[in-house]
Amino acid sequence: MKFAEHLSAHITPEWRTQYIQYEMMKDLLYEAQENAPTEEVAGTAVIQRYFAKFEEKFFVTCDKELAKINTFFSEKLAEAQRKFASLQSEMNQVTEQEEPIPTLRSRRHSLLRRSRSKEKLIKTRTRTIQDLKLAFSEFYLSLILLQNYQSLNFTGFRKILKKHDKLMETDRGAAWRTEHVEVAPFYTNKQIDKLIGDTEAVVTSELEGGNRQRAMKRLRVPPLGEQQTPWTTFRVGLFSGIFLVLSLVVVISAVFSRFDIELWPAVRMYRGSFLIVFFLYLLGLNTWGWRKFGVNHVLIFEIDPRHHLSHSEILEVASFLGVLWSMSVLGYIYSDVLKIPSFVHPLILVGFMLLFLLNPLKIFYHRARFWFLRILFRIFTAPFHPVNFADFWLADQLNSLVAVLLDFEYMICYFIYEVEWHDDPNPKICTSWKYGIRSVMACLPAWFRFAQCLRRYRDTKHAFPHLVNAGKYSTSFFVIAFATLSRVHGEVTGETHSHTFYYLWICAAIPNVYIMVPPQRLQVRPTATPSTTCGSVQLSLMYI
């Protein structure tokens, strides 16, 4: 990997402008070389003056970059020192209480026999200790990021000055590095290393009872450019290959099967789970792309760098679920041969996917699954929480996954009303719109983003873009309302297209198709993450 890509992939996004502008300085060097006069046109003296003037300009740029980095580093170092002193003060207040922290567990049974006020005090202290552990963990991460800032900027100066010497055929770049960079405070100051060591010592001795292994497990931050394990890559290839073969078998079986299967119920019950698998595949590819092109999604999404899924692990989950999906579809097609009721297969598949997501045991990417569930909870309760980047990003994705919600609702209805559990199944109730449930489900993703936009306006008081976005998502409500009225009118009267509600639906759908175009054009910045803006269009076409 070239250093420019390495730098882009490992910077802290909030500090982007405070790093060495390596690409800009590299462009200066290449421009100077390309625009240099040749010996055929100008004499040696002219060429020497040209390069002398350029070097003066180049080293002035280096001075500015160095001053910027030194200033920023000094500010962040002072901030870290104040934060460490504050954390130590808080910890001392806890440890100076009557009973020391390490003996809390050993005295638990005796404490339970004391007064309720004492129990409340112990619970409060326990929560305080957990808060301190979390605070020290976050503080340690900030120190690692600042240490990484030191390393990246020094490497950047070394690389660009080495390139300068190579292109200009001189050693003045190396001399400038020795005289300026290697004596600069951002490079010579080792206070960050001391703070890292002090933090490790404090957490080990005061918060983890002297257990350094447990302390470092809590604190250690893996490198963001960490290579994937061969076994993960192997499993991705294995499951993806099996999924591809089974998918071909599913297509061939569905086309040439002689068995009497219910086609549309199968499509509705398997479409949603397939879209989830497909979404995970795309997310894995997105994550790989972000990593490759220097978008630090781990910090943008505010994910703990110690516990996050790489693109390989996301693809592994997607391909594994894809294999299960294909096997379930084949089981549905050949249910007569297997002597198993056809409706059992999609039920087992969805049940397994829910169990995988909700499994409370600390296995199968426990932290990632519960991070996802926390984000979902914040989306469902959007008006009551400040909106973070991950919240509105995932809510945007849900706008393109309306079919998943509708199919999930259909499956619940199918197993309640259409499966022959009793003697009076009702095969039409689950696809009917007159009960309003499908309309509510279709409105939910747009409502989530609508509520988030209003919350963002409440927090920032910026009408643009938050109220504008809220208005954009509110148009989906009209589309769904008119589509529902049109469907209900058709169910009651038998008229499909020649009625007022149908034309109102068309009028409401057209602006939805139009307003999704501008956001797509705006997503051209390399730091932007893909956000789905076609949810309204999907809602518009839902009627068809």
Protein backbone atom coordinates (compact mmCIF):
# COMPACT_ATOMS: atom_id res chain seq x y z
CA MET A 1 0.00 0.00 0.00
CA LYS A 2 1.30 3.45 -0.93
CA PHE A 3 1.85 5.85 1.94
CA ALA A 4 -0.86 8.24 0.72
CA GLU A 5 -3.43 5.42 0.97
CA HIS A 6 -1.97 4.28 4.29
CA LEU A 7 -2.27 7.82 5.65
CA SER A 8 -5.87 8.20 4.47
CA ALA A 9 -6.83 4.85 5.98
CA HIS A 10 -5.35 5.52 9.41
CA ILE A 11 -6.06 9.17 10.16
CA THR A 12 -8.61 10.24 12.73
CA PRO A 13 -11.39 11.81 10.61
CA GLU A 14 -12.01 14.71 13.00
CA TRP A 15 -8.33 15.66 12.74
CA ARG A 16 -8.07 15.30 8.96
CA THR A 17 -6.94 18.88 8.32
CA GLN A 18 -4.34 18.70 11.11
CA TYR A 19 -2.23 15.99 9.46
CA ILE A 20 0.61 16.63 7.04
CA GLN A 21 -0.83 17.44 3.61
CA TYR A 22 1.18 14.72 1.96
CA GLU A 23 -0.73 14.60 -1.33
CA MET A 24 -0.54 18.36 -1.80
CA MET A 25 3.21 18.40 -1.13
CA LYS A 26 3.75 15.46 -3.47
CA ASP A 27 1.83 17.31 -6.20
CA LEU A 28 4.10 20.33 -5.67
CA LEU A 29 7.15 18.16 -6.32
CA TYR A 30 5.75 16.58 -9.46
CA GLU A 31 4.55 19.93 -10.82
CA ALA A 32 7.98 21.45 -10.23
CA GLN A 33 9.63 18.61 -12.09
CA GLU A 34 7.18 18.74 -15.00
CA ASN A 35 7.35 22.53 -15.36
CA ALA A 36 11.11 22.76 -15.06
CA PRO A 37 12.84 24.32 -18.08
CA THR A 38 14.99 21.99 -20.15
CA GLU A 39 18.64 22.54 -20.99
CA GLU A 40 17.74 22.88 -24.67
CA VAL A 41 15.54 25.91 -23.93
CA ALA A 42 17.31 27.51 -20.95
CA GLY A 43 20.79 27.52 -19.61
CA THR A 44 22.10 25.83 -16.47
CA ALA A 45 21.92 29.04 -14.45
CA VAL A 46 18.22 29.48 -15.28
CA ILE A 47 17.46 25.89 -14.25
CA GLN A 48 19.36 26.31 -10.98
CA ARG A 49 17.48 29.51 -10.16
CA TYR A 50 14.17 27.77 -10.94
CA PHE A 51 14.85 24.89 -8.56
CA ALA A 52 16.29 27.19 -5.89
CA LYS A 53 13.12 29.27 -5.99
CA PHE A 54 10.98 26.13 -5.86
CA GLU A 55 12.91 24.69 -2.91
CA GLU A 56 12.44 27.92 -1.01
CA LYS A 57 8.70 27.69 -1.61
CA PHE A 58 8.64 23.97 -0.75
CA PHE A 59 10.48 24.36 2.55
CA VAL A 60 8.21 27.28 3.51
CA THR A 61 5.31 24.87 3.03
CA CYS A 62 7.13 22.32 5.17
CA ASP A 63 7.61 24.95 7.89
CA LYS A 64 3.89 25.77 7.89
CA GLU A 65 2.92 22.10 8.08
CA LEU A 66 5.39 21.49 10.90
CA ALA A 67 4.14 24.48 12.90
CA LYS A 68 0.54 23.34 12.44
CA ILE A 69 1.34 19.82 13.63
CA ASN A 70 3.35 21.02 16.63
CA THR A 71 0.56 23.35 17.73
CA PHE A 72 -2.16 20.74 17.38
CA PHE A 73 -0.10 18.09 19.15
CA SER A 74 0.64 20.42 22.06
CA GLU A 75 -3.06 21.24 22.45
CA LYS A 76 -4.10 17.59 22.41
CA LEU A 77 -1.32 16.62 24.81
CA ALA A 78 -2.38 19.29 27.31
CA GLU A 79 -5.99 18.13 26.95
CA ALA A 80 -4.94 14.52 27.60
CA GLN A 81 -2.97 15.49 30.70
CA ARG A 82 -5.96 17.38 32.11
CA LYS A 83 -8.22 14.43 31.37
CA PHE A 84 -5.87 11.99 33.08
CA ALA A 85 -5.70 14.17 36.18
CA SER A 86 -9.50 14.38 36.24
CA LEU A 87 -9.88 10.59 35.93
CA GLN A 88 -7.35 10.04 38.69
CA SER A 89 -9.25 12.43 40.94
CA GLU A 90 -12.53 10.60 40.29
CA MET A 91 -10.88 7.26 40.94
CA ASN A 92 -9.37 8.45 44.20
CA GLN A 93 -12.81 9.54 45.42
CA VAL A 94 -14.09 6.01 44.82
CA THR A 95 -11.11 4.13 46.24
CA GLU A 96 -11.01 6.31 49.38
CA GLN A 97 -14.45 5.13 50.48
CA GLU A 98 -14.80 2.90 53.50
CA GLU A 99 -14.46 -0.45 51.72
CA PRO A 100 -11.83 -1.07 49.06
CA ILE A 101 -12.95 -2.06 45.58
CA PRO A 102 -11.28 -5.51 45.42
CA THR A 103 -13.27 -6.79 48.43
CA LEU A 104 -16.72 -6.01 47.05
CA ARG A 105 -17.33 -9.52 45.78
CA SER A 106 -16.00 -11.28 48.85
CA ARG A 107 -18.30 -9.26 51.11
CA ARG A 108 -21.41 -9.40 48.95
CA HIS A 109 -23.30 -11.87 51.14
CA SER A 110 -22.74 -9.87 54.30
CA LEU A 111 -23.73 -6.62 52.60
CA LEU A 112 -27.08 -8.11 51.53
CA ARG A 113 -28.03 -8.42 55.19
CA ARG A 114 -27.49 -4.73 55.87
CA SER A 115 -29.83 -1.82 55.36
CA ARG A 116 -31.31 -0.89 51.99
CA SER A 117 -29.42 2.38 52.00
CA LYS A 118 -26.16 0.46 52.24
CA GLU A 119 -27.19 -1.78 49.34
CA LYS A 120 -28.00 1.28 47.27
CA LEU A 121 -24.58 2.74 48.08
CA ILE A 122 -22.80 -0.43 46.97
CA LYS A 123 -24.76 -0.53 43.72
CA THR A 124 -23.89 3.10 43.10
CA ARG A 125 -20.21 2.40 43.73
CA THR A 126 -20.29 -0.58 41.39
CA ARG A 127 -21.80 1.53 38.64
CA THR A 128 -19.18 4.19 39.30
CA ILE A 129 -16.40 1.62 38.93
CA GLN A 130 -17.85 0.41 35.64
CA ASP A 131 -18.12 4.00 34.45
CA LEU A 132 -14.49 4.58 35.39
CA LYS A 133 -13.41 1.48 33.49
CA LEU A 134 -15.26 2.72 30.42
CA ALA A 135 -13.84 6.23 30.82
CA PHE A 136 -10.27 4.94 31.12
CA SER A 137 -10.83 2.70 28.10
CA GLU A 138 -12.00 5.65 25.99
CA PHE A 139 -9.16 7.80 27.30
CA TYR A 140 -6.63 5.11 26.41
CA LEU A 141 -8.04 5.00 22.89
CA SER A 142 -7.58 8.78 22.57
CA LEU A 143 -3.93 8.37 23.64
CA ILE A 144 -3.38 5.69 21.02
CA LEU A 145 -4.88 7.97 18.38
CA LEU A 146 -2.56 10.79 19.43
CA GLN A 147 0.41 8.42 19.39
CA ASN A 148 -0.67 7.36 15.92
CA TYR A 149 -0.82 11.06 14.98
CA GLN A 150 2.83 11.42 15.98
CA SER A 151 3.91 8.39 13.99
CA LEU A 152 1.97 9.18 10.82
CA ASN A 153 3.18 12.77 10.62
CA PHE A 154 6.83 11.87 11.20
CA THR A 155 6.59 9.15 8.56
CA GLY A 156 4.90 11.64 6.24
CA PHE A 157 7.75 14.13 6.58
CA ARG A 158 10.33 11.39 6.12
CA LYS A 159 8.61 10.10 2.97
CA ILE A 160 8.00 13.47 1.34
CA LEU A 161 11.51 14.75 2.04
CA LYS A 162 12.99 11.52 0.72
CA LYS A 163 10.91 11.94 -2.44
CA HIS A 164 12.12 15.55 -2.65
CA ASP A 165 15.75 14.45 -2.55
CA LYS A 166 15.14 11.74 -5.14
CA LEU A 167 13.38 14.03 -7.63
CA MET A 168 15.66 17.03 -7.09
CA GLU A 169 18.82 14.92 -6.87
CA THR A 170 19.95 16.58 -3.64
CA ASP A 171 20.27 15.84 0.07
CA ARG A 172 18.81 19.10 1.37
CA GLY A 173 15.56 17.33 2.28
CA ALA A 174 17.36 14.93 4.61
CA ALA A 175 19.26 17.83 6.16
CA TRP A 176 16.02 19.78 6.70
CA ARG A 177 14.45 16.76 8.39
CA THR A 178 17.41 16.44 10.75
CA GLU A 179 17.42 20.15 11.60
CA HIS A 180 13.66 20.65 11.98
CA VAL A 181 11.55 17.49 12.15
CA GLU A 182 13.72 15.33 14.38
CA VAL A 183 13.91 18.09 16.99
CA ALA A 184 10.24 19.10 16.71
CA PRO A 185 8.12 18.78 19.90
CA PHE A 186 5.56 16.51 18.24
CA TYR A 187 8.34 13.96 17.61
CA THR A 188 10.64 14.37 20.60
CA ASN A 189 7.93 14.67 23.26
CA LYS A 190 7.43 11.28 24.95
CA GLN A 191 4.69 12.36 27.36
CA ILE A 192 2.14 10.33 25.40
CA ASP A 193 4.14 7.15 25.99
CA LYS A 194 4.30 8.01 29.70
CA LEU A 195 0.55 8.66 29.86
CA ILE A 196 -0.11 5.33 28.14
CA GLY A 197 2.09 3.54 30.66
CA ASP A 198 0.51 5.37 33.60
CA THR A 199 -3.00 4.55 32.36
CA GLU A 200 -2.13 0.87 32.02
CA ALA A 201 -0.66 0.85 35.53
CA VAL A 202 -3.66 2.62 37.09
CA VAL A 203 -6.25 0.38 35.43
CA THR A 204 -4.26 -2.74 36.33
CA SER A 205 -3.67 -1.91 39.98
CA GLU A 206 -6.79 0.07 40.90
CA LEU A 207 -9.60 -1.20 38.67
CA GLU A 208 -8.65 -4.77 37.77
CA GLY A 209 -7.19 -5.91 41.08
CA GLY A 210 -3.63 -6.27 39.76
CA ASN A 211 -4.64 -8.48 36.82
CA ARG A 212 -2.64 -6.96 33.96
CA GLN A 213 -3.92 -9.45 31.38
CA ARG A 214 -7.51 -8.45 32.07
CA ALA A 215 -6.59 -4.76 32.10
CA MET A 216 -4.84 -4.95 28.75
CA LYS A 217 -7.72 -6.91 27.25
CA ARG A 218 -9.93 -3.96 28.14
CA LEU A 219 -7.47 -1.31 26.96
CA ARG A 220 -5.57 -2.73 24.01
CA VAL A 221 -6.45 -1.31 20.59
CA PRO A 222 -5.62 -3.51 17.57
CA PRO A 223 -4.10 -1.81 14.53
CA LEU A 224 -6.73 -0.63 12.06
CA GLY A 225 -4.80 -2.15 9.18
CA GLU A 226 -4.74 -5.58 10.77
CA GLN A 227 -4.68 -8.48 8.31
CA GLN A 228 -7.49 -11.01 8.32
CA THR A 229 -6.85 -14.48 9.63
CA PRO A 230 -6.50 -17.14 6.90
CA TRP A 231 -9.35 -19.15 8.44
CA THR A 232 -11.79 -16.26 8.04
CA THR A 233 -10.82 -15.84 4.40
CA PHE A 234 -11.14 -19.60 3.90
CA ARG A 235 -14.63 -19.68 5.38
CA VAL A 236 -15.73 -16.74 3.22
CA GLY A 237 -14.58 -18.57 0.11
CA LEU A 238 -16.09 -21.87 1.22
CA PHE A 239 -19.53 -20.51 2.14
CA SER A 240 -19.65 -18.21 -0.89
CA GLY A 241 -18.87 -21.10 -3.21
CA ILE A 242 -21.52 -23.30 -1.61
CA PHE A 243 -24.04 -20.45 -1.75
CA LEU A 244 -23.35 -19.88 -5.45
CA VAL A 245 -23.81 -23.57 -6.31
CA LEU A 246 -26.94 -23.92 -4.18
CA SER A 247 -28.41 -20.75 -5.73
CA LEU A 248 -28.04 -22.29 -9.18
CA VAL A 249 -29.70 -25.45 -7.91
CA VAL A 250 -32.56 -23.35 -6.49
CA VAL A 251 -33.11 -21.62 -9.83
CA ILE A 252 -33.05 -24.88 -11.79
CA SER A 253 -35.33 -26.60 -9.27
CA ALA A 254 -37.81 -23.72 -9.28
CA VAL A 255 -37.98 -23.68 -13.09
CA PHE A 256 -38.18 -27.41 -13.72
CA SER A 257 -39.81 -28.68 -10.53
CA ARG A 258 -42.86 -30.89 -11.07
CA PHE A 259 -44.05 -30.49 -7.52
CA ASP A 260 -47.13 -28.46 -6.70
CA ILE A 261 -45.76 -25.56 -4.65
CA GLU A 262 -47.38 -22.30 -3.59
CA LEU A 263 -45.32 -19.78 -5.52
CA TRP A 264 -46.37 -16.37 -4.19
CA PRO A 265 -46.39 -17.28 -0.49
CA ALA A 266 -42.89 -18.69 -1.02
CA VAL A 267 -41.73 -15.50 -2.74
CA ARG A 268 -43.09 -13.32 0.07
CA MET A 269 -41.61 -15.49 2.83
CA TYR A 270 -38.15 -15.87 1.26
CA ARG A 271 -37.72 -12.46 -0.36
CA GLY A 272 -37.15 -10.61 2.92
CA SER A 273 -34.50 -13.02 4.21
CA PHE A 274 -32.75 -12.96 0.82
CA LEU A 275 -32.65 -9.15 0.89
CA ILE A 276 -30.99 -9.31 4.32
CA VAL A 277 -28.33 -11.67 2.95
CA PHE A 278 -27.87 -9.44 -0.10
CA PHE A 279 -27.64 -6.34 2.11
CA LEU A 280 -24.92 -7.98 4.23
CA TYR A 281 -22.96 -8.85 1.10
CA LEU A 282 -23.15 -5.25 -0.08
CA LEU A 283 -22.19 -3.98 3.38
CA GLY A 284 -19.13 -6.24 3.35
CA LEU A 285 -18.12 -4.91 -0.07
CA ASN A 286 -18.77 -1.34 1.11
CA THR A 287 -16.58 -1.89 4.17
CA TRP A 288 -13.81 -3.23 1.96
CA GLY A 289 -14.16 -0.22 -0.34
CA TRP A 290 -14.10 2.27 2.53
CA ARG A 291 -10.97 0.63 3.89
CA LYS A 292 -9.27 0.57 0.50
CA PHE A 293 -9.97 4.22 -0.28
CA GLY A 294 -9.08 5.59 3.13
CA VAL A 295 -12.50 6.08 4.75
CA ASN A 296 -12.03 5.25 8.43
CA HIS A 297 -15.55 3.91 8.99
CA VAL A 298 -14.66 2.54 12.43
CA LEU A 299 -14.26 6.05 13.83
CA ILE A 300 -16.98 7.60 11.64
CA PHE A 301 -19.55 5.13 12.96
CA GLU A 302 -18.09 5.51 16.48
CA ILE A 303 -17.42 1.78 16.73
CA ASP A 304 -15.01 0.51 19.35
CA PRO A 305 -11.82 -0.34 17.38
CA ARG A 306 -11.25 -3.24 19.77
CA HIS A 307 -14.47 -4.95 18.77
CA HIS A 308 -15.66 -4.42 15.22
CA LEU A 309 -16.35 -6.66 12.26
CA SER A 310 -14.01 -6.49 9.31
CA HIS A 311 -15.27 -6.82 5.76
CA SER A 312 -14.22 -10.49 5.74
CA GLU A 313 -16.25 -11.24 8.85
CA ILE A 314 -19.33 -9.48 7.45
CA LEU A 315 -18.98 -11.45 4.21
CA GLU A 316 -18.58 -14.63 6.25
CA VAL A 317 -21.90 -14.01 8.03
CA ALA A 318 -23.60 -13.11 4.73
CA SER A 319 -22.35 -16.20 2.90
CA PHE A 320 -23.23 -18.51 5.82
CA LEU A 321 -26.78 -17.13 6.00
CA GLY A 322 -26.93 -17.41 2.22
CA VAL A 323 -26.17 -21.13 2.44
CA LEU A 324 -28.94 -21.58 5.01
CA TRP A 325 -31.34 -19.58 2.83
CA SER A 326 -30.62 -21.76 -0.22
CA MET A 327 -31.04 -24.97 1.77
CA SER A 328 -34.33 -23.71 3.18
CA VAL A 329 -35.67 -22.84 -0.30
CA LEU A 330 -34.69 -26.28 -1.58
CA GLY A 331 -36.42 -27.82 1.42
CA TYR A 332 -39.56 -25.83 0.56
CA ILE A 333 -39.47 -26.95 -3.09
CA TYR A 334 -38.91 -30.61 -2.23
CA SER A 335 -41.11 -30.67 0.88
CA ASP A 336 -43.28 -33.42 -0.63
CA VAL A 337 -40.24 -35.66 -1.06
CA LEU A 338 -38.95 -34.86 2.43
CA LYS A 339 -42.41 -35.43 3.93
CA ILE A 340 -42.08 -32.15 5.85
CA PRO A 341 -44.78 -29.44 5.61
CA SER A 342 -43.56 -26.71 3.29
CA PHE A 343 -44.31 -23.86 5.72
CA VAL A 344 -41.87 -25.31 8.28
CA HIS A 345 -38.78 -24.42 6.21
CA PRO A 346 -39.15 -20.60 6.10
CA LEU A 347 -40.19 -20.65 9.75
CA ILE A 348 -36.98 -22.47 10.74
CA LEU A 349 -34.87 -20.10 8.61
CA VAL A 350 -36.31 -16.90 10.07
CA GLY A 351 -36.24 -18.40 13.56
CA PHE A 352 -32.54 -19.20 13.19
CA MET A 353 -31.76 -15.70 11.90
CA LEU A 354 -33.57 -14.14 14.85
CA LEU A 355 -31.82 -16.49 17.26
CA PHE A 356 -28.47 -15.59 15.72
CA LEU A 357 -29.20 -11.88 16.18
CA LEU A 358 -30.71 -12.04 19.67
CA ASN A 359 -28.46 -14.76 21.12
CA PRO A 360 -27.32 -13.37 24.52
CA LEU A 361 -24.31 -15.68 24.77
CA LYS A 362 -20.92 -14.07 24.14
CA ILE A 363 -20.32 -16.00 20.92
CA PHE A 364 -20.83 -15.34 17.21
CA TYR A 365 -19.79 -11.66 17.26
CA HIS A 366 -21.71 -10.82 20.43
CA ARG A 367 -20.49 -7.22 20.71
CA ALA A 368 -21.22 -6.42 17.05
CA ARG A 369 -24.71 -7.91 17.25
CA PHE A 370 -25.62 -5.96 20.35
CA TRP A 371 -24.13 -2.76 18.93
CA PHE A 372 -26.49 -3.27 15.99
CA LEU A 373 -29.44 -3.88 18.34
CA ARG A 374 -28.63 -0.70 20.27
CA ILE A 375 -28.65 1.30 17.04
CA LEU A 376 -31.98 -0.28 16.07
CA PHE A 377 -33.41 0.66 19.46
CA ARG A 378 -32.25 4.27 18.99
CA ILE A 379 -33.90 4.31 15.55
CA PHE A 380 -37.21 2.97 16.87
CA THR A 381 -37.14 5.59 19.64
CA ALA A 382 -35.74 8.32 17.37
CA PRO A 383 -37.44 11.41 18.85
CA PHE A 384 -36.09 10.69 22.34
CA HIS A 385 -32.35 10.46 21.58
CA PRO A 386 -29.75 12.69 19.93
CA VAL A 387 -29.09 11.37 16.42
CA ASN A 388 -25.62 10.02 15.65
CA PHE A 389 -24.17 9.18 12.26
CA ALA A 390 -24.79 5.44 12.62
CA ASP A 391 -28.42 6.12 13.57
CA PHE A 392 -29.41 7.98 10.43
CA TRP A 393 -27.19 5.84 8.18
CA LEU A 394 -28.95 2.64 9.26
CA ALA A 395 -32.35 4.35 9.16
CA ASP A 396 -31.60 5.33 5.56
CA GLN A 397 -30.83 1.70 4.77
CA LEU A 398 -34.17 0.67 6.26
CA ASN A 399 -35.89 2.94 3.74
CA SER A 400 -34.56 0.63 1.05
CA LEU A 401 -35.56 -2.48 2.98
CA VAL A 402 -39.28 -1.79 3.25
CA ALA A 403 -39.91 -5.12 1.53
CA VAL A 404 -38.22 -6.89 4.46
CA LEU A 405 -40.64 -5.33 6.95
CA LEU A 406 -43.65 -6.09 4.74
CA ASP A 407 -42.54 -9.69 4.24
CA PHE A 408 -41.93 -10.10 7.96
CA GLU A 409 -45.47 -8.84 8.63
CA TYR A 410 -46.80 -11.18 5.93
CA MET A 411 -45.02 -14.17 7.45
CA ILE A 412 -46.49 -13.53 10.90
CA CYS A 413 -49.95 -13.16 9.36
CA TYR A 414 -49.44 -16.26 7.21
CA PHE A 415 -48.65 -18.49 10.16
CA ILE A 416 -51.59 -17.09 12.15
CA TYR A 417 -54.31 -17.10 9.48
CA GLU A 418 -53.27 -19.05 6.39
CA VAL A 419 -51.54 -22.17 7.69
CA GLU A 420 -54.08 -24.89 8.29
CA TRP A 421 -53.72 -24.95 12.07
CA HIS A 422 -57.52 -24.95 12.19
CA ASP A 423 -60.37 -25.76 9.81
CA ASP A 424 -61.04 -22.23 8.59
CA PRO A 425 -57.90 -20.72 7.03
CA ASN A 426 -58.26 -17.31 5.38
CA PRO A 427 -55.87 -17.17 2.40
CA LYS A 428 -56.61 -13.54 1.43
CA ILE A 429 -56.30 -11.66 4.70
CA CYS A 430 -52.49 -11.36 4.66
CA THR A 431 -52.27 -9.58 1.31
CA SER A 432 -55.18 -7.25 1.96
CA TRP A 433 -54.50 -3.56 2.62
CA LYS A 434 -57.85 -2.70 4.15
CA TYR A 435 -56.75 -3.61 7.68
CA GLY A 436 -54.05 -0.91 7.69
CA ILE A 437 -51.24 -3.03 9.15
CA ARG A 438 -49.26 -3.21 5.91
CA SER A 439 -49.58 0.55 5.49
CA VAL A 440 -48.20 1.17 8.97
CA MET A 441 -45.28 -1.20 8.34
CA ALA A 442 -44.52 0.54 5.04
CA CYS A 443 -44.55 3.95 6.78
CA LEU A 444 -42.15 2.98 9.56
CA PRO A 445 -38.77 3.56 7.79
CA ALA A 446 -39.87 6.97 6.49
CA TRP A 447 -41.20 7.84 9.95
CA PHE A 448 -37.87 6.93 11.54
CA ARG A 449 -35.98 9.36 9.30
CA PHE A 450 -38.73 11.98 9.64
CA ALA A 451 -38.46 11.81 13.45
CA GLN A 452 -34.66 11.90 13.31
CA CYS A 453 -34.71 15.02 11.14
CA LEU A 454 -37.05 16.76 13.58
CA ARG A 455 -34.80 15.76 16.48
CA ARG A 456 -31.76 17.11 14.63
CA TYR A 457 -33.60 20.39 14.06
CA ARG A 458 -34.49 20.55 17.76
CA ASP A 459 -30.85 19.99 18.75
CA THR A 460 -29.18 22.27 16.17
CA LYS A 461 -31.92 24.82 15.34
CA HIS A 462 -30.83 24.57 11.68
CA ALA A 463 -33.86 24.55 9.40
CA PHE A 464 -31.63 23.57 6.50
CA PRO A 465 -31.08 20.74 5.85
CA HIS A 466 -33.02 19.08 8.69
CA LEU A 467 -36.53 20.47 8.08
CA VAL A 468 -36.01 20.09 4.33
CA ASN A 469 -35.10 16.43 4.82
CA ALA A 470 -38.09 15.97 7.12
CA GLY A 471 -40.31 17.33 4.36
CA LYS A 472 -38.72 14.97 1.88
CA TYR A 473 -39.42 11.91 4.00
CA SER A 474 -42.94 13.10 4.84
CA THR A 475 -43.90 12.81 1.16
CA SER A 476 -43.65 9.04 1.55
CA PHE A 477 -46.65 9.15 3.88
CA PHE A 478 -48.82 10.58 1.09
CA VAL A 479 -47.59 7.95 -1.36
CA ILE A 480 -48.44 5.13 1.03
CA ALA A 481 -51.78 6.66 2.00
CA PHE A 482 -52.95 7.04 -1.60
CA ALA A 483 -51.53 3.63 -2.56
CA THR A 484 -53.46 2.05 0.32
CA LEU A 485 -56.70 3.84 -0.57
CA SER A 486 -56.25 2.79 -4.19
CA ARG A 487 -55.71 -0.84 -3.24
CA VAL A 488 -58.63 -0.89 -0.84
CA HIS A 489 -60.87 0.75 -3.44
CA GLY A 490 -59.81 -1.91 -5.93
CA GLU A 491 -60.52 -4.72 -3.47
CA VAL A 492 -63.98 -3.38 -2.72
CA THR A 493 -65.16 -2.28 -6.18
CA GLY A 494 -62.98 -4.31 -8.51
CA GLU A 495 -61.67 -1.17 -10.26
CA THR A 496 -57.89 -1.27 -10.58
CA HIS A 497 -56.78 1.91 -12.35
CA SER A 498 -59.65 4.15 -13.39
CA HIS A 499 -60.43 5.88 -10.12
CA THR A 500 -59.40 9.02 -8.23
CA PHE A 501 -57.15 7.39 -5.64
CA TYR A 502 -55.03 5.77 -8.34
CA TYR A 503 -54.35 9.13 -10.00
CA LEU A 504 -53.60 10.73 -6.64
CA TRP A 505 -51.08 7.95 -5.98
CA ILE A 506 -49.42 8.65 -9.35
CA CYS A 507 -49.22 12.37 -8.54
CA ALA A 508 -47.67 11.65 -5.13
CA ALA A 509 -45.21 9.11 -6.53
CA ILE A 510 -43.74 11.36 -9.23
CA PRO A 511 -42.20 13.92 -6.79
CA ASN A 512 -40.73 11.01 -4.81
CA VAL A 513 -38.88 9.80 -7.90
CA TYR A 514 -37.62 13.34 -8.53
CA ILE A 515 -36.37 14.16 -5.03
CA MET A 516 -34.18 11.08 -4.79
CA VAL A 517 -31.93 12.27 -7.64
CA PRO A 518 -30.07 15.31 -6.13
CA PRO A 519 -28.67 13.48 -3.04
CA GLN A 520 -27.09 10.87 -5.30
CA ARG A 521 -25.28 13.61 -7.21
CA LEU A 522 -23.92 15.08 -4.01
CA GLN A 523 -22.15 11.91 -2.91
CA VAL A 524 -18.84 12.53 -4.63
CA ARG A 525 -16.56 13.26 -1.68
CA PRO A 526 -14.11 10.44 -0.91
CA THR A 527 -15.01 10.70 2.77
CA ALA A 528 -18.72 10.30 2.22
CA THR A 529 -20.25 7.00 3.09
CA PRO A 530 -22.96 5.52 0.89
CA SER A 531 -26.39 6.45 2.11
CA THR A 532 -29.49 5.04 0.53
CA THR A 533 -31.90 7.63 -0.79
CA CYS A 534 -34.15 5.40 -2.90
CA GLY A 535 -36.44 4.42 -0.05
CA SER A 536 -39.18 6.78 -1.16
CA VAL A 537 -39.04 5.38 -4.67
CA GLN A 538 -39.37 1.87 -3.34
CA LEU A 539 -42.41 2.96 -1.36
CA SER A 540 -43.82 4.58 -4.48
CA LEU A 541 -43.47 1.43 -6.54
CA MET A 542 -44.79 -0.77 -3.75
CA TYR A 543 -48.28 -0.54 -5.18
CA ILE A 544 -47.15 -2.02 -8.50
